[in-house]
């Protein structure tokens, strides 16, 4: 398929394959170009990425395990019984029409196949977790403990690890539109938002993105020093109590987190902890904390 066949009208149909990395280089570039002009599509892309990463993070150990043979048989048996029961319950003149319509498989399209796999993974994980809770697991090999969603810091780190390596698409909206960024993200966060000026600390504001974490909007403000990697200040509404600035780490990223007045904040990047704190302090003052 030619990349030119991807248009603004059908862009959403290709986002799952885009997130899965299944498009060709030309198709990926075409989608990138269209996303620049379509904020709703960008939001959908971020949501799909979040769901995909959450599934991988939460259940990678389960999905990689072989499905027990007796479970496969149970699934097949249930499907066969269900189909037979349905046919028996139908009038005779209808069963003849329904019997030929067994399972017909057709080659999945690039986008359809990706979406099917995404739902298959989700359904498989749900089935395994429910089955584990019900006791089909033997000997502890497939034991699954209840798992909460990854904390927002882990998801922020995942996002930053992806976006901070971008060049052309480092941000969703550039710093040239700072007033728009403040109005847009302030509305999504239901607060007055002023982009902190960190120039005195040696960092230049590059622009922003809107992320989605656990169903909540997150403002990601991107900065960069003259000789360093991009770092981000992220803001999200929070129901937790206030927290003084605290250093933490996720993967290879350093973080400085704090909470106040119903919002959670974190500065995240590959810079040393002391340098991130030098950015976090003026950011807190600028945000009137």
Protein backbone atom coordinates (compact mmCIF):
# COMPACT_ATOMS: atom_id res chain seq x y z
CA UNK A 1 0.00 0.00 0.00
CA UNK A 2 1.23 3.47 -0.84
CA UNK A 3 1.77 5.83 2.07
CA UNK A 4 -0.24 8.42 0.17
CA UNK A 5 -3.34 6.27 0.70
CA UNK A 6 -3.24 7.30 4.37
CA UNK A 7 -5.29 10.49 4.66
CA UNK A 8 -6.80 12.65 7.37
CA UNK A 9 -10.11 10.87 6.82
CA UNK A 10 -8.77 7.37 7.50
CA UNK A 11 -5.85 8.25 9.79
CA UNK A 12 -7.44 6.69 12.89
CA UNK A 13 -7.64 3.35 11.10
CA UNK A 14 -3.84 3.16 11.02
CA UNK A 15 -3.02 4.28 14.56
CA UNK A 16 -2.95 0.82 16.11
CA UNK A 17 -0.51 -0.42 13.46
CA UNK A 18 1.45 2.81 13.96
CA UNK A 19 1.72 2.26 17.73
CA UNK A 20 2.65 -1.40 17.16
CA UNK A 21 5.43 -0.34 14.75
CA UNK A 22 3.94 -2.39 11.91
CA UNK A 23 3.86 0.33 9.26
CA UNK A 24 6.63 0.84 6.75
CA UNK A 25 9.05 3.73 7.19
CA UNK A 26 7.20 5.73 4.54
CA UNK A 27 3.84 5.01 6.18
CA UNK A 28 5.20 5.97 9.62
CA UNK A 29 6.43 9.30 8.23
CA UNK A 30 3.06 9.88 6.56
CA UNK A 31 1.22 9.27 9.83
CA UNK A 32 3.67 11.54 11.67
CA UNK A 33 2.97 14.35 9.22
CA UNK A 34 -0.81 13.95 9.56
CA UNK A 35 -0.64 13.79 13.37
CA UNK A 36 0.94 17.23 13.48
CA UNK A 37 -2.30 18.66 12.07
CA UNK A 38 -4.77 16.51 14.05
CA UNK A 39 -4.87 16.96 17.86
CA UNK A 40 -7.70 14.43 18.30
CA UNK A 41 -5.70 11.78 16.46
CA UNK A 42 -2.67 12.59 18.61
CA UNK A 43 -4.75 12.11 21.73
CA UNK A 44 -5.99 8.75 20.45
CA UNK A 45 -2.43 7.74 19.62
CA UNK A 46 -1.28 8.61 23.15
CA UNK A 47 -4.18 6.67 24.64
CA UNK A 48 -3.35 3.61 22.54
CA UNK A 49 0.29 3.84 23.53
CA UNK A 50 -0.66 4.11 27.18
CA UNK A 51 -2.91 1.06 26.98
CA UNK A 52 -0.31 -0.94 25.09
CA UNK A 53 2.46 -0.09 27.56
CA UNK A 54 0.19 -0.80 30.52
CA UNK A 55 -0.64 -4.26 29.16
CA UNK A 56 3.02 -4.99 28.52
CA UNK A 57 4.09 -3.75 31.94
CA UNK A 58 1.35 -5.45 33.93
CA UNK A 59 1.11 -8.78 32.21
CA UNK A 60 4.26 -9.49 30.21
CA UNK A 61 5.13 -12.38 32.50
CA UNK A 62 1.66 -13.89 32.05
CA UNK A 63 1.36 -13.41 28.31
CA UNK A 64 4.75 -15.04 27.76
CA UNK A 65 3.74 -18.17 29.67
CA UNK A 66 2.38 -21.14 27.65
CA UNK A 67 -1.34 -21.62 28.12
CA UNK A 68 -2.02 -24.88 30.01
CA UNK A 69 -3.32 -27.66 27.75
CA UNK A 70 -6.31 -28.34 29.96
CA UNK A 71 -7.28 -24.68 29.76
CA UNK A 72 -7.17 -24.77 25.96
CA UNK A 73 -9.37 -27.85 26.00
CA UNK A 74 -11.78 -26.16 28.41
CA UNK A 75 -12.08 -23.14 26.12
CA UNK A 76 -12.65 -25.31 23.06
CA UNK A 77 -15.16 -27.46 24.90
CA UNK A 78 -17.08 -24.44 26.12
CA UNK A 79 -17.19 -22.97 22.61
CA UNK A 80 -18.41 -26.25 21.13
CA UNK A 81 -21.09 -26.72 23.79
CA UNK A 82 -22.27 -23.14 23.36
CA UNK A 83 -22.56 -23.51 19.58
CA UNK A 84 -24.36 -26.84 19.87
CA UNK A 85 -26.76 -25.48 22.46
CA UNK A 86 -27.59 -22.54 20.23
CA UNK A 87 -28.33 -24.79 17.26
CA UNK A 88 -30.50 -27.13 19.30
CA UNK A 89 -32.57 -24.21 20.52
CA UNK A 90 -33.32 -23.01 16.98
CA UNK A 91 -36.28 -24.14 14.84
CA UNK A 92 -35.40 -26.84 12.32
CA UNK A 93 -35.97 -24.62 9.29
CA UNK A 94 -33.35 -22.20 10.62
CA UNK A 95 -30.65 -24.64 11.68
CA UNK A 96 -29.94 -25.63 8.09
CA UNK A 97 -29.28 -22.00 7.27
CA UNK A 98 -27.01 -21.54 10.25
CA UNK A 99 -24.98 -24.77 10.13
CA UNK A 100 -22.80 -23.85 7.12
CA UNK A 101 -21.87 -20.57 8.73
CA UNK A 102 -19.12 -22.03 10.85
CA UNK A 103 -15.87 -20.17 11.37
CA UNK A 104 -14.55 -18.52 8.26
CA UNK A 105 -11.13 -16.95 8.55
CA UNK A 106 -9.83 -14.30 6.24
CA UNK A 107 -6.40 -12.73 6.10
CA UNK A 108 -6.42 -9.79 8.52
CA UNK A 109 -5.65 -6.35 7.24
CA UNK A 110 -2.65 -4.54 8.64
CA UNK A 111 -4.79 -2.40 10.89
CA UNK A 112 -7.43 -5.02 11.62
CA UNK A 113 -4.83 -7.59 12.59
CA UNK A 114 -3.19 -5.22 15.04
CA UNK A 115 -6.47 -4.30 16.65
CA UNK A 116 -7.43 -7.95 16.90
CA UNK A 117 -4.15 -8.77 18.60
CA UNK A 118 -4.53 -5.86 21.00
CA UNK A 119 -7.94 -7.10 22.09
CA UNK A 120 -6.72 -10.70 22.10
CA UNK A 121 -3.94 -9.84 24.52
CA UNK A 122 -6.37 -7.94 26.74
CA UNK A 123 -8.89 -10.78 26.66
CA UNK A 124 -6.22 -13.40 27.28
CA UNK A 125 -4.82 -11.52 30.23
CA UNK A 126 -8.28 -11.04 31.71
CA UNK A 127 -9.06 -14.74 31.26
CA UNK A 128 -5.79 -15.81 32.87
CA UNK A 129 -6.20 -13.47 35.82
CA UNK A 130 -9.80 -14.55 36.41
CA UNK A 131 -8.81 -18.20 36.03
CA UNK A 132 -5.98 -17.81 38.49
CA UNK A 133 -8.33 -16.28 41.01
CA UNK A 134 -10.76 -19.16 40.47
CA UNK A 135 -8.12 -21.79 41.06
CA UNK A 136 -7.23 -23.30 37.68
CA UNK A 137 -3.57 -22.63 38.43
CA UNK A 138 -1.70 -25.63 39.81
CA UNK A 139 1.61 -25.77 41.60
CA UNK A 140 2.03 -22.00 41.61
CA UNK A 141 3.54 -21.91 38.13
CA UNK A 142 0.72 -19.78 36.77
CA UNK A 143 -0.13 -18.05 40.03
CA UNK A 144 -1.16 -14.41 39.53
CA UNK A 145 -1.34 -11.97 42.39
CA UNK A 146 -3.72 -9.01 42.12
CA UNK A 147 -1.85 -6.22 40.34
CA UNK A 148 -2.62 -2.51 40.47
CA UNK A 149 -1.97 -0.19 37.56
CA UNK A 150 1.59 1.14 37.38
CA UNK A 151 2.04 4.33 39.36
CA UNK A 152 1.93 7.52 37.37
CA UNK A 153 5.69 8.05 37.74
CA UNK A 154 6.42 4.78 35.93
CA UNK A 155 4.12 5.78 33.11
CA UNK A 156 5.62 9.27 32.92
CA UNK A 157 9.04 7.61 32.65
CA UNK A 158 7.79 5.37 29.82
CA UNK A 159 6.44 8.36 27.91
CA UNK A 160 9.58 10.41 28.45
CA UNK A 161 11.82 7.56 27.34
CA UNK A 162 9.97 7.53 24.02
CA UNK A 163 9.29 11.19 23.28
CA UNK A 164 12.56 12.69 24.52
CA UNK A 165 14.42 10.76 21.82
CA UNK A 166 12.38 12.37 19.07
CA UNK A 167 13.89 15.19 17.06
CA UNK A 168 11.26 16.48 14.67
CA UNK A 169 8.38 15.45 16.93
CA UNK A 170 9.84 16.23 20.32
CA UNK A 171 6.71 18.20 21.25
CA UNK A 172 3.08 18.26 20.20
CA UNK A 173 2.74 22.05 20.34
CA UNK A 174 5.87 24.21 20.13
CA UNK A 175 6.93 26.93 22.55
CA UNK A 176 6.01 29.50 19.89
CA UNK A 177 2.41 28.90 20.99
CA UNK A 178 2.95 29.20 24.74
CA UNK A 179 -0.27 31.18 25.37
CA UNK A 180 -2.22 28.47 23.58
CA UNK A 181 -0.43 25.76 25.58
CA UNK A 182 -1.31 27.48 28.85
CA UNK A 183 -4.97 27.86 27.90
CA UNK A 184 -5.29 24.37 26.40
CA UNK A 185 -3.57 22.39 29.14
CA UNK A 186 -4.96 24.62 31.87
CA UNK A 187 -8.45 23.79 30.68
CA UNK A 188 -7.70 20.07 30.58
CA UNK A 189 -6.28 20.19 34.12
CA UNK A 190 -9.05 22.49 35.35
CA UNK A 191 -6.63 25.08 36.71
CA UNK A 192 -4.74 28.21 35.81
CA UNK A 193 -1.49 27.04 34.26
CA UNK A 194 1.52 29.24 33.61
CA UNK A 195 4.49 27.62 31.88
CA UNK A 196 7.47 28.12 34.24
CA UNK A 197 10.35 30.15 32.85
CA UNK A 198 13.48 28.17 33.70
CA UNK A 199 15.90 30.20 31.61
CA UNK A 200 17.73 31.48 34.70
CA UNK A 201 18.40 27.84 35.58
CA UNK A 202 19.78 27.24 32.10
CA UNK A 203 16.80 25.50 30.48
CA UNK A 204 14.75 26.59 27.46
CA UNK A 205 11.07 25.71 27.05
CA UNK A 206 10.58 23.69 23.86
CA UNK A 207 6.85 22.97 23.92
CA UNK A 208 4.28 20.58 25.35
CA UNK A 209 2.25 17.42 24.96
CA UNK A 210 -0.97 16.14 26.45
CA UNK A 211 -0.59 12.64 27.87
CA UNK A 212 -3.21 10.24 29.18
CA UNK A 213 -2.39 8.25 32.34
CA UNK A 214 -4.93 5.99 34.03
CA UNK A 215 -7.71 7.92 32.32
CA UNK A 216 -6.47 11.32 33.48
CA UNK A 217 -4.96 14.16 31.44
CA UNK A 218 -1.32 14.96 32.14
CA UNK A 219 0.46 18.10 30.95
CA UNK A 220 3.99 17.36 29.79
CA UNK A 221 6.11 20.52 29.47
CA UNK A 222 9.41 19.87 27.68
CA UNK A 223 12.62 21.79 28.38
CA UNK A 224 16.19 21.44 27.19
CA UNK A 225 19.58 22.75 28.28
CA UNK A 226 22.20 23.89 25.81
CA UNK A 227 24.26 20.69 26.09
CA UNK A 228 21.87 18.21 27.67
CA UNK A 229 19.00 15.87 26.90
CA UNK A 230 15.40 17.09 27.04
CA UNK A 231 13.71 16.89 30.43
CA UNK A 232 10.05 17.32 31.32
CA UNK A 233 7.83 18.88 33.96
CA UNK A 234 4.59 16.90 34.21
CA UNK A 235 1.42 18.00 36.00
CA UNK A 236 -1.64 15.90 36.87
CA UNK A 237 -4.63 16.33 39.18
CA UNK A 238 -4.24 14.16 42.28
CA UNK A 239 -6.44 13.12 45.17
CA UNK A 240 -3.47 12.37 47.40
CA UNK A 241 -2.18 14.61 50.16
CA UNK A 242 0.64 17.13 49.87
CA UNK A 243 4.20 15.86 49.50
CA UNK A 244 7.45 17.79 49.82
CA UNK A 245 9.89 17.41 46.90
CA UNK A 246 11.32 13.89 46.93
CA UNK A 247 13.82 12.24 44.62
CA UNK A 248 13.11 8.89 43.03
CA UNK A 249 14.07 6.89 39.97
CA UNK A 250 12.32 4.85 37.30
CA UNK A 251 14.39 2.76 34.88
CA UNK A 252 17.33 4.98 33.91
CA UNK A 253 15.51 8.25 34.61
CA UNK A 254 15.85 10.50 37.65
CA UNK A 255 12.79 12.25 39.07
CA UNK A 256 11.84 14.92 41.57
CA UNK A 257 8.21 14.57 42.63
CA UNK A 258 5.96 16.74 44.80
CA UNK A 259 2.25 17.24 45.45
CA UNK A 260 0.32 20.25 46.62
CA UNK A 261 -3.23 21.58 46.57
CA UNK A 262 -4.71 18.71 44.61
CA UNK A 263 -2.02 18.37 41.95
CA UNK A 264 0.97 16.09 41.47
CA UNK A 265 4.16 17.30 39.81
CA UNK A 266 7.34 15.63 38.64
CA UNK A 267 10.49 16.76 36.87
CA UNK A 268 11.92 13.83 34.92
CA UNK A 269 15.08 13.40 32.87
CA UNK A 270 18.48 11.79 32.50
CA UNK A 271 20.15 14.72 34.24
CA UNK A 272 21.65 14.16 37.72
CA UNK A 273 19.29 14.52 40.67
CA UNK A 274 20.88 17.79 41.83
CA UNK A 275 20.38 19.35 38.40
CA UNK A 276 16.75 18.28 38.26
CA UNK A 277 16.19 19.85 41.68
CA UNK A 278 17.67 23.08 40.36
CA UNK A 279 14.85 23.06 37.79
CA UNK A 280 12.14 21.86 40.19
CA UNK A 281 12.67 24.67 42.72
CA UNK A 282 12.01 27.61 40.34
CA UNK A 283 9.19 25.61 38.71
CA UNK A 284 7.44 25.33 42.09
CA UNK A 285 7.78 29.08 42.66
CA UNK A 286 6.46 29.86 39.19
CA UNK A 287 3.47 27.60 39.77
CA UNK A 288 2.69 29.57 42.95
CA UNK A 289 3.31 26.64 45.25
